[in-house]
């Protein structure tokens, strides 16, 4: 399994468009191949109504639950990805005040 981080902006038709400027998205993908996992992560982000701005260079390989931070929400996301093939969490942000 891989944990892939993506920076994204909401699509105009998204419910998030008027509310947020962007998001840092963490996608857990239960897939054996890194390139395939990245492509799936981008697909899932787009399906949620977001435009992929950048896939972060750093990713995490999660071979077992022991590789996950001892945080209940992270464990839940990992387990969800085992069941459904992926899980996604959006960390949204509003426009910067300086802009």
C-alpha atoms as a PDB file:
ATOM      1  CA  UNK A   1       0.000   0.000   0.000  1.00  0.00           C
ATOM      2  CA  UNK A   2       1.109   3.561  -0.676  1.00  0.00           C
ATOM      3  CA  UNK A   3       0.302   6.878   0.955  1.00  0.00           C
ATOM      4  CA  UNK A   4       0.430   9.552  -1.732  1.00  0.00           C
ATOM      5  CA  UNK A   5       0.091  13.273  -1.064  1.00  0.00           C
ATOM      6  CA  UNK A   6      -1.381  15.573  -3.674  1.00  0.00           C
ATOM      7  CA  UNK A   7      -1.980  19.311  -3.826  1.00  0.00           C
ATOM      8  CA  UNK A   8      -5.315  20.086  -5.489  1.00  0.00           C
ATOM      9  CA  UNK A   9      -7.713  22.901  -6.339  1.00  0.00           C
ATOM     10  CA  UNK A  10     -11.495  22.507  -6.471  1.00  0.00           C
ATOM     11  CA  UNK A  11     -13.106  22.303  -9.901  1.00  0.00           C
ATOM     12  CA  UNK A  12     -15.615  25.058 -10.706  1.00  0.00           C
ATOM     13  CA  UNK A  13     -18.509  22.603 -10.546  1.00  0.00           C
ATOM     14  CA  UNK A  14     -17.367  21.286  -7.164  1.00  0.00           C
ATOM     15  CA  UNK A  15     -19.239  22.064  -3.955  1.00  0.00           C
ATOM     16  CA  UNK A  16     -15.878  23.167  -2.566  1.00  0.00           C
ATOM     17  CA  UNK A  17     -15.173  25.795  -5.261  1.00  0.00           C
ATOM     18  CA  UNK A  18     -16.599  28.863  -3.493  1.00  0.00           C
ATOM     19  CA  UNK A  19     -15.478  27.709  -0.068  1.00  0.00           C
ATOM     20  CA  UNK A  20     -11.816  26.687  -0.488  1.00  0.00           C
ATOM     21  CA  UNK A  21      -8.795  27.737  -2.529  1.00  0.00           C
ATOM     22  CA  UNK A  22      -7.244  24.286  -2.411  1.00  0.00           C
ATOM     23  CA  UNK A  23      -6.414  21.207  -0.419  1.00  0.00           C
ATOM     24  CA  UNK A  24      -3.610  18.922   0.543  1.00  0.00           C
ATOM     25  CA  UNK A  25      -4.977  15.468  -0.147  1.00  0.00           C
ATOM     26  CA  UNK A  26      -3.674  12.245   1.365  1.00  0.00           C
ATOM     27  CA  UNK A  27      -4.641   9.118  -0.530  1.00  0.00           C
ATOM     28  CA  UNK A  28      -4.023   5.609   0.762  1.00  0.00           C
ATOM     29  CA  UNK A  29      -3.953   3.259  -2.226  1.00  0.00           C
ATOM     30  CA  UNK A  30      -3.767  -0.508  -1.821  1.00  0.00           C
ATOM     31  CA  UNK A  31      -1.871  -1.319  -5.006  1.00  0.00           C
ATOM     32  CA  UNK A  32       1.389  -3.169  -5.636  1.00  0.00           C
ATOM     33  CA  UNK A  33       2.915  -0.830  -8.238  1.00  0.00           C
ATOM     34  CA  UNK A  34       3.914   2.765  -7.379  1.00  0.00           C
ATOM     35  CA  UNK A  35       3.102   4.249 -10.798  1.00  0.00           C
ATOM     36  CA  UNK A  36      -0.274   2.545 -10.815  1.00  0.00           C
ATOM     37  CA  UNK A  37      -0.958   3.775  -7.270  1.00  0.00           C
ATOM     38  CA  UNK A  38      -0.117   7.356  -8.275  1.00  0.00           C
ATOM     39  CA  UNK A  39      -2.435   7.160 -11.296  1.00  0.00           C
ATOM     40  CA  UNK A  40      -5.220   5.761  -9.121  1.00  0.00           C
ATOM     41  CA  UNK A  41      -4.673   8.471  -6.491  1.00  0.00           C
ATOM     42  CA  UNK A  42      -4.991  11.188  -9.146  1.00  0.00           C
ATOM     43  CA  UNK A  43      -8.147   9.529 -10.465  1.00  0.00           C
ATOM     44  CA  UNK A  44      -9.747   9.404  -7.007  1.00  0.00           C
ATOM     45  CA  UNK A  45      -8.920  13.076  -6.367  1.00  0.00           C
ATOM     46  CA  UNK A  46     -10.498  14.065  -9.688  1.00  0.00           C
ATOM     47  CA  UNK A  47     -13.583  11.965  -8.930  1.00  0.00           C
ATOM     48  CA  UNK A  48     -14.034  13.956  -5.702  1.00  0.00           C
ATOM     49  CA  UNK A  49     -14.274  17.198  -7.734  1.00  0.00           C
ATOM     50  CA  UNK A  50     -10.677  18.395  -7.495  1.00  0.00           C
ATOM     51  CA  UNK A  51      -8.043  19.306 -10.074  1.00  0.00           C
ATOM     52  CA  UNK A  52      -4.608  17.829  -9.374  1.00  0.00           C
ATOM     53  CA  UNK A  53      -2.028  20.615  -9.109  1.00  0.00           C
ATOM     54  CA  UNK A  54       0.959  18.579  -7.962  1.00  0.00           C
ATOM     55  CA  UNK A  55       1.761  15.078  -6.814  1.00  0.00           C
ATOM     56  CA  UNK A  56       4.323  15.359  -4.030  1.00  0.00           C
ATOM     57  CA  UNK A  57       7.651  13.643  -4.742  1.00  0.00           C
ATOM     58  CA  UNK A  58       7.692  12.029  -1.310  1.00  0.00           C
ATOM     59  CA  UNK A  59       5.429   9.045  -0.776  1.00  0.00           C
ATOM     60  CA  UNK A  60       5.173   6.370   1.886  1.00  0.00           C
ATOM     61  CA  UNK A  61       5.208   2.609   1.462  1.00  0.00           C
ATOM     62  CA  UNK A  62       2.991   0.897   4.022  1.00  0.00           C
ATOM     63  CA  UNK A  63       3.673  -2.827   4.199  1.00  0.00           C
ATOM     64  CA  UNK A  64       1.665  -3.387   7.369  1.00  0.00           C
ATOM     65  CA  UNK A  65      -0.270  -1.607  10.083  1.00  0.00           C
ATOM     66  CA  UNK A  66       3.026  -1.212  11.959  1.00  0.00           C
ATOM     67  CA  UNK A  67       4.117   1.285   9.265  1.00  0.00           C
ATOM     68  CA  UNK A  68       1.227   3.616  10.130  1.00  0.00           C
ATOM     69  CA  UNK A  69       1.541   6.305  12.810  1.00  0.00           C
ATOM     70  CA  UNK A  70      -0.063   5.210  16.049  1.00  0.00           C
ATOM     71  CA  UNK A  71      -2.942   7.605  15.422  1.00  0.00           C
ATOM     72  CA  UNK A  72      -6.498   6.260  15.415  1.00  0.00           C
ATOM     73  CA  UNK A  73      -7.563   8.252  12.340  1.00  0.00           C
ATOM     74  CA  UNK A  74      -4.514   7.060  10.357  1.00  0.00           C
ATOM     75  CA  UNK A  75      -5.215   3.462  11.367  1.00  0.00           C
ATOM     76  CA  UNK A  76      -8.837   3.877  10.263  1.00  0.00           C
ATOM     77  CA  UNK A  77      -7.766   5.233   6.851  1.00  0.00           C
ATOM     78  CA  UNK A  78      -5.304   2.373   6.409  1.00  0.00           C
ATOM     79  CA  UNK A  79      -7.941  -0.231   7.265  1.00  0.00           C
ATOM     80  CA  UNK A  80     -10.477   1.443   4.961  1.00  0.00           C
ATOM     81  CA  UNK A  81      -7.986   1.222   2.096  1.00  0.00           C
ATOM     82  CA  UNK A  82      -7.524  -2.492   2.793  1.00  0.00           C
ATOM     83  CA  UNK A  83     -11.273  -3.034   2.463  1.00  0.00           C
ATOM     84  CA  UNK A  84     -12.140  -0.660  -0.422  1.00  0.00           C
ATOM     85  CA  UNK A  85      -8.793  -0.346  -2.216  1.00  0.00           C
ATOM     86  CA  UNK A  86      -8.298   3.287  -1.244  1.00  0.00           C
ATOM     87  CA  UNK A  87      -9.166   5.982   1.252  1.00  0.00           C
ATOM     88  CA  UNK A  88      -8.862   9.725   0.914  1.00  0.00           C
ATOM     89  CA  UNK A  89      -8.679  12.669   3.279  1.00  0.00           C
ATOM     90  CA  UNK A  90      -8.871  16.325   2.253  1.00  0.00           C
ATOM     91  CA  UNK A  91      -7.094  18.997   4.283  1.00  0.00           C
ATOM     92  CA  UNK A  92      -8.729  22.095   2.768  1.00  0.00           C
ATOM     93  CA  UNK A  93      -7.478  25.657   3.020  1.00  0.00           C
ATOM     94  CA  UNK A  94      -9.006  29.034   2.198  1.00  0.00           C
ATOM     95  CA  UNK A  95      -7.481  31.855   0.163  1.00  0.00           C
ATOM     96  CA  UNK A  96      -4.335  33.383   1.621  1.00  0.00           C
ATOM     97  CA  UNK A  97      -5.023  36.775   3.182  1.00  0.00           C
ATOM     98  CA  UNK A  98      -1.995  38.266   1.384  1.00  0.00           C
ATOM     99  CA  UNK A  99      -3.451  37.622  -2.089  1.00  0.00           C
END
